Amino acid sequence: MTHEPRLPARIADAAADWVARRDHGLSAGEAARLTAWLAEDPRHAEALRQLESSWAALDRPRLT
């Protein structure tokens, strides 16, 4: 079993903010800042991917 290392809280927090902001809709300036943030560190894209997956799961109805 492989275990991905935990992302630093500052990266996870920023990614969570970007996911919520992107869901609401980004202005051109915000989109440019997101692109710059993603380019700063490969962990940023991974954090965004993980949190987008969780965010998307919240939109799905729960099957019981």
Protein backbone atom coordinates (compact mmCIF):
# COMPACT_ATOMS: atom_id res chain seq x y z
CA MET A 1 0.00 0.00 0.00
CA THR A 2 1.43 3.36 -0.98
CA HIS A 3 0.77 6.45 1.05
CA GLU A 4 0.97 9.92 -0.42
CA PRO A 5 2.75 12.38 1.86
CA ARG A 6 0.48 14.89 3.51
CA LEU A 7 0.53 18.29 1.89
CA PRO A 8 1.55 21.28 4.01
CA ALA A 9 -1.46 23.03 5.52
CA ARG A 10 -0.67 26.29 3.69
CA ILE A 11 -0.87 24.49 0.33
CA ALA A 12 -4.05 22.60 1.22
CA ASP A 13 -5.67 25.80 2.52
CA ALA A 14 -4.77 27.75 -0.62
CA ALA A 15 -6.02 24.92 -2.84
CA ALA A 16 -9.31 24.80 -0.94
CA ASP A 17 -9.69 28.54 -1.45
CA TRP A 18 -9.01 28.18 -5.19
CA VAL A 19 -11.51 25.34 -5.54
CA ALA A 20 -14.25 27.38 -3.90
CA ARG A 21 -13.38 30.50 -5.88
CA ARG A 22 -13.27 28.58 -9.15
CA ASP A 23 -16.66 27.04 -8.41
CA HIS A 24 -18.07 30.54 -8.07
CA GLY A 25 -16.32 31.72 -11.25
CA LEU A 26 -12.97 33.41 -11.70
CA SER A 27 -12.29 36.77 -13.22
CA ALA A 28 -9.49 36.98 -15.79
CA GLY A 29 -7.17 38.34 -13.10
CA GLU A 30 -8.02 35.54 -10.70
CA ALA A 31 -7.50 32.94 -13.43
CA ALA A 32 -4.06 34.41 -14.08
CA ARG A 33 -3.22 34.29 -10.36
CA LEU A 34 -4.37 30.66 -10.20
CA THR A 35 -2.17 29.80 -13.18
CA ALA A 36 0.79 31.50 -11.50
CA TRP A 37 0.11 29.71 -8.22
CA LEU A 38 -0.05 26.34 -9.99
CA ALA A 39 3.30 27.05 -11.69
CA GLU A 40 5.04 27.82 -8.38
CA ASP A 41 5.12 24.27 -7.06
CA PRO A 42 4.03 20.89 -8.46
CA ARG A 43 2.32 20.15 -5.14
CA HIS A 44 -0.15 22.95 -5.85
CA ALA A 45 -1.67 21.11 -8.81
CA GLU A 46 -1.84 17.89 -6.81
CA ALA A 47 -3.59 19.66 -3.93
CA LEU A 48 -6.03 21.29 -6.32
CA ARG A 49 -6.78 17.94 -7.97
CA GLN A 50 -7.40 16.23 -4.63
CA LEU A 51 -9.68 18.95 -3.33
CA GLU A 52 -11.60 19.29 -6.60
CA SER A 53 -12.35 15.58 -6.37
CA SER A 54 -13.71 16.03 -2.85
CA TRP A 55 -15.65 19.15 -3.89
CA ALA A 56 -17.24 17.30 -6.81
CA ALA A 57 -18.28 14.48 -4.49
CA LEU A 58 -20.32 16.99 -2.48
CA ASP A 59 -22.44 17.69 -5.57
CA ARG A 60 -23.42 14.05 -6.01
CA PRO A 61 -26.50 12.69 -4.28
CA ARG A 62 -25.77 10.21 -1.56
CA LEU A 63 -26.92 6.69 -2.35
CA THR A 64 -28.14 4.74 0.66
